[in-house]
Amino acid sequence: LTSGPEGSTLYTRDQAIRVPGFRVEAVDTTGAGDGFLAGLLFQMNRQIEGGEAGGAFGWNKPDRFWAEAARFGNAVGAMVVTKRGGIPSMPEMAAVERFMAECGA
């Protein structure tokens, strides 16, 4: 569940994992949800391929796995709304990592 600048909440079988968002000046919200989902899935895949998540995809991952993926998704969504247009506003991975580092994430 995304909540704009408030962040997102991921629900597991046992609990809700609340992940804070990023405060930015929104110009156009087109593509924010798509950006969030793209970032979430990208980070999930990166963690799995890097061996940080116990190998193959599955829903029984630790909360840290989900929180890190959602944090990356939140960052992508936040960056998307700072520019006009859904496609032109999608950032590259290096830009997202810089943004997160600058925000202390």
PDB file of N, CA and C in Angstrom:
ATOM      1  N   LEU A   1       0.855  -1.166   0.000  1.00  0.00           N
ATOM      2  CA  LEU A   1       0.000   0.000   0.000  1.00  0.00           C
ATOM      3  C   LEU A   1       0.900   1.227   0.000  1.00  0.00           C
ATOM      4  N   THR A   2       0.760   2.091  -0.990  1.00  0.00           N
ATOM      5  CA  THR A   2       1.576   3.307  -1.031  1.00  0.00           C
ATOM      6  C   THR A   2       0.779   4.485  -0.492  1.00  0.00           C
ATOM      7  N   SER A   3       1.499   5.411   0.138  1.00  0.00           N
ATOM      8  CA  SER A   3       0.860   6.580   0.754  1.00  0.00           C
ATOM      9  C   SER A   3       1.605   7.866   0.430  1.00  0.00           C
ATOM     10  N   GLY A   4       2.086   7.983  -0.800  1.00  0.00           N
ATOM     11  CA  GLY A   4       2.767   9.201  -1.220  1.00  0.00           C
ATOM     12  C   GLY A   4       3.971   9.507  -0.348  1.00  0.00           C
ATOM     13  N   PRO A   5       4.095  10.749   0.092  1.00  0.00           N
ATOM     14  CA  PRO A   5       5.276  11.134   0.882  1.00  0.00           C
ATOM     15  C   PRO A   5       5.350  10.446   2.245  1.00  0.00           C
ATOM     16  N   GLU A   6       4.247   9.834   2.664  1.00  0.00           N
ATOM     17  CA  GLU A   6       4.254   9.122   3.950  1.00  0.00           C
ATOM     18  C   GLU A   6       4.947   7.768   3.845  1.00  0.00           C
ATOM     19  N   GLY A   7       5.161   7.285   2.622  1.00  0.00           N
ATOM     20  CA  GLY A   7       5.863   6.021   2.426  1.00  0.00           C
ATOM     21  C   GLY A   7       4.950   4.908   1.977  1.00  0.00           C
ATOM     22  N   SER A   8       5.232   3.716   2.455  1.00  0.00           N
ATOM     23  CA  SER A   8       4.455   2.551   2.044  1.00  0.00           C
ATOM     24  C   SER A   8       4.357   1.562   3.205  1.00  0.00           C
ATOM     25  N   THR A   9       3.398   0.679   3.075  1.00  0.00           N
ATOM     26  CA  THR A   9       3.217  -0.382   4.061  1.00  0.00           C
ATOM     27  C   THR A   9       3.088  -1.694   3.310  1.00  0.00           C
ATOM     28  N   LEU A  10       3.900  -2.658   3.696  1.00  0.00           N
ATOM     29  CA  LEU A  10       3.824  -3.993   3.125  1.00  0.00           C
ATOM     30  C   LEU A  10       3.198  -4.908   4.169  1.00  0.00           C
ATOM     31  N   TYR A  11       2.290  -5.737   3.729  1.00  0.00           N
ATOM     32  CA  TYR A  11       1.596  -6.636   4.647  1.00  0.00           C
ATOM     33  C   TYR A  11       2.056  -8.067   4.415  1.00  0.00           C
ATOM     34  N   THR A  12       2.523  -8.690   5.474  1.00  0.00           N
ATOM     35  CA  THR A  12       2.873 -10.104   5.427  1.00  0.00           C
ATOM     36  C   THR A  12       1.756 -10.871   6.128  1.00  0.00           C
ATOM     37  N   ARG A  13       1.918 -12.148   6.202  1.00  0.00           N
ATOM     38  CA  ARG A  13       0.923 -12.971   6.886  1.00  0.00           C
ATOM     39  C   ARG A  13       0.797 -12.563   8.352  1.00  0.00           C
ATOM     40  N   ASP A  14       1.917 -12.117   8.938  1.00  0.00           N
ATOM     41  CA  ASP A  14       1.946 -11.857  10.373  1.00  0.00           C
ATOM     42  C   ASP A  14       1.885 -10.397  10.794  1.00  0.00           C
ATOM     43  N   GLN A  15       2.255  -9.488   9.907  1.00  0.00           N
ATOM     44  CA  GLN A  15       2.340  -8.095  10.347  1.00  0.00           C
ATOM     45  C   GLN A  15       2.348  -7.109   9.190  1.00  0.00           C
ATOM     46  N   ALA A  16       2.305  -5.841   9.550  1.00  0.00           N
ATOM     47  CA  ALA A  16       2.432  -4.745   8.592  1.00  0.00           C
ATOM     48  C   ALA A  16       3.820  -4.139   8.771  1.00  0.00           C
ATOM     49  N   ILE A  17       4.526  -3.961   7.661  1.00  0.00           N
ATOM     50  CA  ILE A  17       5.864  -3.375   7.694  1.00  0.00           C
ATOM     51  C   ILE A  17       5.765  -1.972   7.112  1.00  0.00           C
ATOM     52  N   ARG A  18       5.886  -0.987   7.966  1.00  0.00           N
ATOM     53  CA  ARG A  18       5.761   0.430   7.585  1.00  0.00           C
ATOM     54  C   ARG A  18       7.134   0.957   7.203  1.00  0.00           C
ATOM     55  N   VAL A  19       7.240   1.549   6.004  1.00  0.00           N
ATOM     56  CA  VAL A  19       8.512   2.074   5.509  1.00  0.00           C
ATOM     57  C   VAL A  19       8.323   3.552   5.185  1.00  0.00           C
ATOM     58  N   PRO A  20       9.051   4.440   5.855  1.00  0.00           N
ATOM     59  CA  PRO A  20       8.891   5.882   5.638  1.00  0.00           C
ATOM     60  C   PRO A  20       9.216   6.288   4.204  1.00  0.00           C
ATOM     61  N   GLY A  21       8.589   7.368   3.779  1.00  0.00           N
ATOM     62  CA  GLY A  21       8.813   7.883   2.441  1.00  0.00           C
ATOM     63  C   GLY A  21       9.859   8.979   2.406  1.00  0.00           C
ATOM     64  N   PHE A  22       9.923   9.652   1.273  1.00  0.00           N
ATOM     65  CA  PHE A  22      10.853  10.749   1.043  1.00  0.00           C
ATOM     66  C   PHE A  22      10.043  12.001   0.737  1.00  0.00           C
ATOM     67  N   ARG A  23      10.403  13.094   1.335  1.00  0.00           N
ATOM     68  CA  ARG A  23       9.709  14.364   1.073  1.00  0.00           C
ATOM     69  C   ARG A  23      10.379  15.061  -0.104  1.00  0.00           C
ATOM     70  N   VAL A  24       9.616  15.261  -1.151  1.00  0.00           N
ATOM     71  CA  VAL A  24      10.096  15.961  -2.346  1.00  0.00           C
ATOM     72  C   VAL A  24       8.999  16.911  -2.803  1.00  0.00           C
ATOM     73  N   GLU A  25       9.346  17.813  -3.685  1.00  0.00           N
ATOM     74  CA  GLU A  25       8.343  18.702  -4.264  1.00  0.00           C
ATOM     75  C   GLU A  25       7.773  18.029  -5.508  1.00  0.00           C
ATOM     76  N   ALA A  26       6.514  17.633  -5.430  1.00  0.00           N
ATOM     77  CA  ALA A  26       5.872  16.921  -6.533  1.00  0.00           C
ATOM     78  C   ALA A  26       5.497  17.881  -7.652  1.00  0.00           C
ATOM     79  N   VAL A  27       5.839  17.479  -8.876  1.00  0.00           N
ATOM     80  CA  VAL A  27       5.504  18.240 -10.074  1.00  0.00           C
ATOM     81  C   VAL A  27       4.400  17.524 -10.849  1.00  0.00           C
ATOM     82  N   ASP A  28       4.492  16.194 -10.929  1.00  0.00           N
ATOM     83  CA  ASP A  28       3.543  15.385 -11.689  1.00  0.00           C
ATOM     84  C   ASP A  28       3.553  13.980 -11.081  1.00  0.00           C
ATOM     85  N   THR A  29       2.411  13.514 -10.624  1.00  0.00           N
ATOM     86  CA  THR A  29       2.360  12.204  -9.967  1.00  0.00           C
ATOM     87  C   THR A  29       2.181  11.038 -10.941  1.00  0.00           C
ATOM     88  N   THR A  30       2.117  11.341 -12.240  1.00  0.00           N
ATOM     89  CA  THR A  30       1.995  10.284 -13.236  1.00  0.00           C
ATOM     90  C   THR A  30       3.179   9.333 -13.130  1.00  0.00           C
ATOM     91  N   GLY A  31       2.900   8.082 -12.969  1.00  0.00           N
ATOM     92  CA  GLY A  31       3.955   7.072 -12.929  1.00  0.00           C
ATOM     93  C   GLY A  31       4.528   6.788 -11.555  1.00  0.00           C
ATOM     94  N   ALA A  32       4.046   7.475 -10.520  1.00  0.00           N
ATOM     95  CA  ALA A  32       4.606   7.267  -9.177  1.00  0.00           C
ATOM     96  C   ALA A  32       4.416   5.823  -8.706  1.00  0.00           C
ATOM     97  N   GLY A  33       3.231   5.289  -8.879  1.00  0.00           N
ATOM     98  CA  GLY A  33       2.972   3.908  -8.473  1.00  0.00           C
ATOM     99  C   GLY A  33       3.754   2.911  -9.306  1.00  0.00           C
ATOM    100  N   ASP A  34       3.850   3.178 -10.609  1.00  0.00           N
ATOM    101  CA  ASP A  34       4.644   2.311 -11.480  1.00  0.00           C
ATOM    102  C   ASP A  34       6.108   2.347 -11.063  1.00  0.00           C
ATOM    103  N   GLY A  35       6.597   3.547 -10.735  1.00  0.00           N
ATOM    104  CA  GLY A  35       7.979   3.682 -10.281  1.00  0.00           C
ATOM    105  C   GLY A  35       8.213   2.933  -8.983  1.00  0.00           C
ATOM    106  N   PHE A  36       7.263   3.062  -8.051  1.00  0.00           N
ATOM    107  CA  PHE A  36       7.383   2.337  -6.780  1.00  0.00           C
ATOM    108  C   PHE A  36       7.485   0.839  -7.030  1.00  0.00           C
ATOM    109  N   LEU A  37       6.559   0.315  -7.829  1.00  0.00           N
ATOM    110  CA  LEU A  37       6.542  -1.127  -8.071  1.00  0.00           C
ATOM    111  C   LEU A  37       7.804  -1.582  -8.799  1.00  0.00           C
ATOM    112  N   ALA A  38       8.252  -0.803  -9.780  1.00  0.00           N
ATOM    113  CA  ALA A  38       9.486  -1.144 -10.495  1.00  0.00           C
ATOM    114  C   ALA A  38      10.669  -1.180  -9.532  1.00  0.00           C
ATOM    115  N   GLY A  39      10.761  -0.183  -8.665  1.00  0.00           N
ATOM    116  CA  GLY A  39      11.851  -0.143  -7.695  1.00  0.00           C
ATOM    117  C   GLY A  39      11.778  -1.283  -6.698  1.00  0.00           C
ATOM    118  N   LEU A  40      10.578  -1.583  -6.225  1.00  0.00           N
ATOM    119  CA  LEU A  40      10.370  -2.687  -5.286  1.00  0.00           C
ATOM    120  C   LEU A  40      10.832  -4.006  -5.900  1.00  0.00           C
ATOM    121  N   LEU A  41      10.365  -4.290  -7.113  1.00  0.00           N
ATOM    122  CA  LEU A  41      10.715  -5.546  -7.778  1.00  0.00           C
ATOM    123  C   LEU A  41      12.196  -5.605  -8.130  1.00  0.00           C
ATOM    124  N   PHE A  42      12.749  -4.479  -8.574  1.00  0.00           N
ATOM    125  CA  PHE A  42      14.173  -4.434  -8.900  1.00  0.00           C
ATOM    126  C   PHE A  42      15.013  -4.781  -7.673  1.00  0.00           C
ATOM    127  N   GLN A  43      14.701  -4.152  -6.548  1.00  0.00           N
ATOM    128  CA  GLN A  43      15.479  -4.388  -5.331  1.00  0.00           C
ATOM    129  C   GLN A  43      15.274  -5.803  -4.807  1.00  0.00           C
ATOM    130  N   MET A  44      14.071  -6.325  -4.918  1.00  0.00           N
ATOM    131  CA  MET A  44      13.835  -7.714  -4.514  1.00  0.00           C
ATOM    132  C   MET A  44      14.727  -8.646  -5.328  1.00  0.00           C
ATOM    133  N   ASN A  45      14.748  -8.447  -6.635  1.00  0.00           N
ATOM    134  CA  ASN A  45      15.554  -9.284  -7.517  1.00  0.00           C
ATOM    135  C   ASN A  45      17.039  -9.129  -7.211  1.00  0.00           C
ATOM    136  N   ARG A  46      17.468  -7.905  -6.984  1.00  0.00           N
ATOM    137  CA  ARG A  46      18.881  -7.652  -6.696  1.00  0.00           C
ATOM    138  C   ARG A  46      19.300  -8.361  -5.402  1.00  0.00           C
ATOM    139  N   GLN A  47      18.449  -8.328  -4.395  1.00  0.00           N
ATOM    140  CA  GLN A  47      18.764  -9.005  -3.131  1.00  0.00           C
ATOM    141  C   GLN A  47      18.808 -10.522  -3.303  1.00  0.00           C
ATOM    142  N   ILE A  48      17.902 -11.055  -4.103  1.00  0.00           N
ATOM    143  CA  ILE A  48      17.878 -12.499  -4.337  1.00  0.00           C
ATOM    144  C   ILE A  48      19.117 -12.926  -5.113  1.00  0.00           C
ATOM    145  N   GLU A  49      19.441 -12.191  -6.196  1.00  0.00           N
ATOM    146  CA  GLU A  49      20.616 -12.536  -6.996  1.00  0.00           C
ATOM    147  C   GLU A  49      21.906 -12.372  -6.206  1.00  0.00           C
ATOM    148  N   GLY A  50      21.926 -11.421  -5.287  1.00  0.00           N
ATOM    149  CA  GLY A  50      23.113 -11.192  -4.475  1.00  0.00           C
ATOM    150  C   GLY A  50      23.247 -12.167  -3.322  1.00  0.00           C
ATOM    151  N   GLY A  51      22.281 -13.058  -3.181  1.00  0.00           N
ATOM    152  CA  GLY A  51      22.330 -14.053  -2.123  1.00  0.00           C
ATOM    153  C   GLY A  51      21.958 -13.522  -0.750  1.00  0.00           C
ATOM    154  N   GLU A  52      21.486 -12.269  -0.700  1.00  0.00           N
ATOM    155  CA  GLU A  52      21.151 -11.656   0.584  1.00  0.00           C
ATOM    156  C   GLU A  52      19.813 -12.139   1.129  1.00  0.00           C
ATOM    157  N   ALA A  53      19.049 -12.810   0.303  1.00  0.00           N
ATOM    158  CA  ALA A  53      17.693 -13.159   0.712  1.00  0.00           C
ATOM    159  C   ALA A  53      17.459 -14.661   0.743  1.00  0.00           C
ATOM    160  N   GLY A  54      18.521 -15.411   0.865  1.00  0.00           N
ATOM    161  CA  GLY A  54      18.334 -16.851   0.976  1.00  0.00           C
ATOM    162  C   GLY A  54      17.983 -17.537  -0.321  1.00  0.00           C
ATOM    163  N   GLY A  55      18.447 -17.005  -1.444  1.00  0.00           N
ATOM    164  CA  GLY A  55      18.267 -17.691  -2.717  1.00  0.00           C
ATOM    165  C   GLY A  55      16.975 -17.361  -3.414  1.00  0.00           C
ATOM    166  N   ALA A  56      16.295 -18.383  -3.869  1.00  0.00           N
ATOM    167  CA  ALA A  56      15.148 -18.246  -4.761  1.00  0.00           C
ATOM    168  C   ALA A  56      14.036 -17.378  -4.191  1.00  0.00           C
ATOM    169  N   PHE A  57      13.229 -16.898  -5.113  1.00  0.00           N
ATOM    170  CA  PHE A  57      12.103 -16.058  -4.731  1.00  0.00           C
ATOM    171  C   PHE A  57      11.117 -16.869  -3.902  1.00  0.00           C
ATOM    172  N   GLY A  58      10.559 -16.228  -2.913  1.00  0.00           N
ATOM    173  CA  GLY A  58       9.536 -16.839  -2.075  1.00  0.00           C
ATOM    174  C   GLY A  58       8.992 -15.778  -1.140  1.00  0.00           C
ATOM    175  N   TRP A  59       7.844 -16.016  -0.585  1.00  0.00           N
ATOM    176  CA  TRP A  59       7.206 -15.008   0.264  1.00  0.00           C
ATOM    177  C   TRP A  59       7.700 -15.056   1.702  1.00  0.00           C
ATOM    178  N   ASN A  60       8.455 -16.089   2.064  1.00  0.00           N
ATOM    179  CA  ASN A  60       8.888 -16.248   3.454  1.00  0.00           C
ATOM    180  C   ASN A  60      10.245 -15.586   3.712  1.00  0.00           C
ATOM    181  N   LYS A  61      10.392 -14.357   3.291  1.00  0.00           N
ATOM    182  CA  LYS A  61      11.632 -13.606   3.478  1.00  0.00           C
ATOM    183  C   LYS A  61      11.565 -12.822   4.788  1.00  0.00           C
ATOM    184  N   PRO A  62      12.739 -12.482   5.349  1.00  0.00           N
ATOM    185  CA  PRO A  62      12.739 -11.687   6.582  1.00  0.00           C
ATOM    186  C   PRO A  62      12.214 -10.269   6.341  1.00  0.00           C
ATOM    187  N   ASP A  63      11.738  -9.644   7.395  1.00  0.00           N
ATOM    188  CA  ASP A  63      11.193  -8.287   7.281  1.00  0.00           C
ATOM    189  C   ASP A  63      12.185  -7.321   6.652  1.00  0.00           C
ATOM    190  N   ARG A  64      13.478  -7.476   6.961  1.00  0.00           N
ATOM    191  CA  ARG A  64      14.503  -6.590   6.412  1.00  0.00           C
ATOM    192  C   ARG A  64      14.489  -6.619   4.880  1.00  0.00           C
ATOM    193  N   PHE A  65      14.297  -7.795   4.306  1.00  0.00           N
ATOM    194  CA  PHE A  65      14.232  -7.957   2.852  1.00  0.00           C
ATOM    195  C   PHE A  65      13.128  -7.082   2.269  1.00  0.00           C
ATOM    196  N   TRP A  66      11.944  -7.181   2.858  1.00  0.00           N
ATOM    197  CA  TRP A  66      10.795  -6.422   2.365  1.00  0.00           C
ATOM    198  C   TRP A  66      10.982  -4.926   2.593  1.00  0.00           C
ATOM    199  N   ALA A  67      11.511  -4.554   3.756  1.00  0.00           N
ATOM    200  CA  ALA A  67      11.708  -3.138   4.069  1.00  0.00           C
ATOM    201  C   ALA A  67      12.717  -2.495   3.127  1.00  0.00           C
ATOM    202  N   GLU A  68      13.803  -3.195   2.815  1.00  0.00           N
ATOM    203  CA  GLU A  68      14.803  -2.647   1.897  1.00  0.00           C
ATOM    204  C   GLU A  68      14.231  -2.502   0.495  1.00  0.00           C
ATOM    205  N   ALA A  69      13.454  -3.479   0.068  1.00  0.00           N
ATOM    206  CA  ALA A  69      12.835  -3.400  -1.254  1.00  0.00           C
ATOM    207  C   ALA A  69      11.841  -2.241  -1.315  1.00  0.00           C
ATOM    208  N   ALA A  70      11.039  -2.078  -0.273  1.00  0.00           N
ATOM    209  CA  ALA A  70      10.066  -0.981  -0.244  1.00  0.00           C
ATOM    210  C   ALA A  70      10.756   0.372  -0.168  1.00  0.00           C
ATOM    211  N   ARG A  71      11.851   0.465   0.553  1.00  0.00           N
ATOM    212  CA  ARG A  71      12.590   1.728   0.657  1.00  0.00           C
ATOM    213  C   ARG A  71      13.103   2.147  -0.714  1.00  0.00           C
ATOM    214  N   PHE A  72      13.630   1.198  -1.476  1.00  0.00           N
ATOM    215  CA  PHE A  72      14.094   1.491  -2.829  1.00  0.00           C
ATOM    216  C   PHE A  72      12.905   1.906  -3.694  1.00  0.00           C
ATOM    217  N   GLY A  73      11.786   1.193  -3.582  1.00  0.00           N
ATOM    218  CA  GLY A  73      10.580   1.561  -4.324  1.00  0.00           C
ATOM    219  C   GLY A  73      10.084   2.944  -3.953  1.00  0.00           C
ATOM    220  N   ASN A  74      10.109   3.274  -2.667  1.00  0.00           N
ATOM    221  CA  ASN A  74       9.715   4.615  -2.221  1.00  0.00           C
ATOM    222  C   ASN A  74      10.601   5.674  -2.859  1.00  0.00           C
ATOM    223  N   ALA A  75      11.902   5.395  -2.934  1.00  0.00           N
ATOM    224  CA  ALA A  75      12.837   6.355  -3.519  1.00  0.00           C
ATOM    225  C   ALA A  75      12.534   6.572  -4.998  1.00  0.00           C
ATOM    226  N   VAL A  76      12.291   5.489  -5.730  1.00  0.00           N
ATOM    227  CA  VAL A  76      11.971   5.627  -7.155  1.00  0.00           C
ATOM    228  C   VAL A  76      10.680   6.422  -7.323  1.00  0.00           C
ATOM    229  N   GLY A  77       9.656   6.082  -6.566  1.00  0.00           N
ATOM    230  CA  GLY A  77       8.391   6.817  -6.648  1.00  0.00           C
ATOM    231  C   GLY A  77       8.560   8.291  -6.344  1.00  0.00           C
ATOM    232  N   ALA A  78       9.364   8.608  -5.337  1.00  0.00           N
ATOM    233  CA  ALA A  78       9.611  10.010  -4.983  1.00  0.00           C
ATOM    234  C   ALA A  78      10.327  10.739  -6.106  1.00  0.00           C
ATOM    235  N   MET A  79      11.306  10.089  -6.720  1.00  0.00           N
ATOM    236  CA  MET A  79      12.043  10.731  -7.809  1.00  0.00           C
ATOM    237  C   MET A  79      11.158  10.955  -9.025  1.00  0.00           C
ATOM    238  N   VAL A  80      10.273  10.009  -9.302  1.00  0.00           N
ATOM    239  CA  VAL A  80       9.385  10.111 -10.464  1.00  0.00           C
ATOM    240  C   VAL A  80       8.516  11.366 -10.389  1.00  0.00           C
ATOM    241  N   VAL A  81       8.004  11.692  -9.218  1.00  0.00           N
ATOM    242  CA  VAL A  81       7.070  12.821  -9.116  1.00  0.00           C
ATOM    243  C   VAL A  81       7.754  14.181  -9.215  1.00  0.00           C
ATOM    244  N   THR A  82       9.081  14.208  -9.248  1.00  0.00           N
ATOM    245  CA  THR A  82       9.784  15.497  -9.337  1.00  0.00           C
ATOM    246  C   THR A  82       9.935  15.987 -10.767  1.00  0.00           C
ATOM    247  N   LYS A  83       9.495  15.174 -11.748  1.00  0.00           N
ATOM    248  CA  LYS A  83       9.589  15.546 -13.167  1.00  0.00           C
ATOM    249  C   LYS A  83       8.257  15.272 -13.849  1.00  0.00           C
ATOM    250  N   ARG A  84       8.064  15.881 -14.993  1.00  0.00           N
ATOM    251  CA  ARG A  84       6.835  15.676 -15.765  1.00  0.00           C
ATOM    252  C   ARG A  84       6.945  14.426 -16.636  1.00  0.00           C
ATOM    253  N   GLY A  85       5.830  13.711 -16.718  1.00  0.00           N
ATOM    254  CA  GLY A  85       5.739  12.551 -17.600  1.00  0.00           C
ATOM    255  C   GLY A  85       6.162  11.263 -16.927  1.00  0.00           C
ATOM    256  N   GLY A  86       5.376  10.221 -17.135  1.00  0.00           N
ATOM    257  CA  GLY A  86       5.651   8.948 -16.490  1.00  0.00           C
ATOM    258  C   GLY A  86       6.924   8.271 -16.958  1.00  0.00           C
ATOM    259  N   ILE A  87       7.154   8.240 -18.259  1.00  0.00           N
ATOM    260  CA  ILE A  87       8.338   7.556 -18.784  1.00  0.00           C
ATOM    261  C   ILE A  87       9.601   8.403 -18.621  1.00  0.00           C
ATOM    262  N   PRO A  88       9.588   9.669 -19.024  1.00  0.00           N
ATOM    263  CA  PRO A  88      10.821  10.463 -18.898  1.00  0.00           C
ATOM    264  C   PRO A  88      11.300  10.637 -17.457  1.00  0.00           C
ATOM    265  N   SER A  89      10.406  10.462 -16.513  1.00  0.00           N
ATOM    266  CA  SER A  89      10.781  10.700 -15.117  1.00  0.00           C
ATOM    267  C   SER A  89      11.376   9.473 -14.426  1.00  0.00           C
ATOM    268  N   MET A  90      11.361   8.317 -15.089  1.00  0.00           N
ATOM    269  CA  MET A  90      11.899   7.105 -14.464  1.00  0.00           C
ATOM    270  C   MET A  90      13.417   7.218 -14.338  1.00  0.00           C
ATOM    271  N   PRO A  91      13.942   7.126 -13.117  1.00  0.00           N
ATOM    272  CA  PRO A  91      15.384   7.307 -12.908  1.00  0.00           C
ATOM    273  C   PRO A  91      16.181   6.031 -13.162  1.00  0.00           C
ATOM    274  N   GLU A  92      17.464   6.214 -13.390  1.00  0.00           N
ATOM    275  CA  GLU A  92      18.373   5.077 -13.496  1.00  0.00           C
ATOM    276  C   GLU A  92      18.805   4.658 -12.090  1.00  0.00           C
ATOM    277  N   MET A  93      19.283   3.432 -11.974  1.00  0.00           N
ATOM    278  CA  MET A  93      19.644   2.879 -10.673  1.00  0.00           C
ATOM    279  C   MET A  93      20.654   3.756  -9.939  1.00  0.00           C
ATOM    280  N   ALA A  94      21.688   4.219 -10.629  1.00  0.00           N
ATOM    281  CA  ALA A  94      22.723   5.032  -9.973  1.00  0.00           C
ATOM    282  C   ALA A  94      22.132   6.308  -9.390  1.00  0.00           C
ATOM    283  N   ALA A  95      21.177   6.898 -10.102  1.00  0.00           N
ATOM    284  CA  ALA A  95      20.530   8.121  -9.607  1.00  0.00           C
ATOM    285  C   ALA A  95      19.721   7.831  -8.344  1.00  0.00           C
ATOM    286  N   VAL A  96      19.055   6.686  -8.313  1.00  0.00           N
ATOM    287  CA  VAL A  96      18.275   6.311  -7.125  1.00  0.00           C
ATOM    288  C   VAL A  96      19.211   6.102  -5.937  1.00  0.00           C
ATOM    289  N   GLU A  97      20.307   5.433  -6.168  1.00  0.00           N
ATOM    290  CA  GLU A  97      21.259   5.192  -5.076  1.00  0.00           C
ATOM    291  C   GLU A  97      21.849   6.497  -4.549  1.00  0.00           C
ATOM    292  N   ARG A  98      22.151   7.446  -5.449  1.00  0.00           N
ATOM    293  CA  ARG A  98      22.643   8.763  -5.009  1.00  0.00           C
ATOM    294  C   ARG A  98      21.586   9.479  -4.187  1.00  0.00           C
ATOM    295  N   PHE A  99      20.348   9.468  -4.678  1.00  0.00           N
ATOM    296  CA  PHE A  99      19.235  10.114  -3.985  1.00  0.00           C
ATOM    297  C   PHE A  99      19.078   9.543  -2.578  1.00  0.00           C
ATOM    298  N   MET A 100      19.122   8.230  -2.466  1.00  0.00           N
ATOM    299  CA  MET A 100      18.968   7.590  -1.160  1.00  0.00           C
ATOM    300  C   MET A 100      20.134   7.944  -0.237  1.00  0.00           C
ATOM    301  N   ALA A 101      21.332   7.989  -0.782  1.00  0.00           N
ATOM    302  CA  ALA A 101      22.502   8.346   0.031  1.00  0.00           C
ATOM    303  C   ALA A 101      22.396   9.785   0.530  1.00  0.00           C
ATOM    304  N   GLU A 102      21.933  10.683  -0.338  1.00  0.00           N
ATOM    305  CA  GLU A 102      21.776  12.089   0.042  1.00  0.00           C
ATOM    306  C   GLU A 102      20.697  12.263   1.107  1.00  0.00           C
ATOM    307  N   CYS A 103      19.695  11.403   1.070  1.00  0.00           N
ATOM    308  CA  CYS A 103      18.593  11.479   2.037  1.00  0.00           C
ATOM    309  C   CYS A 103      18.880  10.673   3.301  1.00  0.00           C
ATOM    310  N   GLY A 104      20.025  10.038   3.346  1.00  0.00           N
ATOM    311  CA  GLY A 104      20.383   9.259   4.524  1.00  0.00           C
ATOM    312  C   GLY A 104      19.682   7.927   4.629  1.00  0.00           C
ATOM    313  N   ALA A 105      19.246   7.395   3.492  1.00  0.00           N
ATOM    314  CA  ALA A 105      18.524   6.116   3.506  1.00  0.00           C
ATOM    315  C   ALA A 105      19.465   4.948   3.335  1.00  0.00           C
TER     316      ALA A 105
END
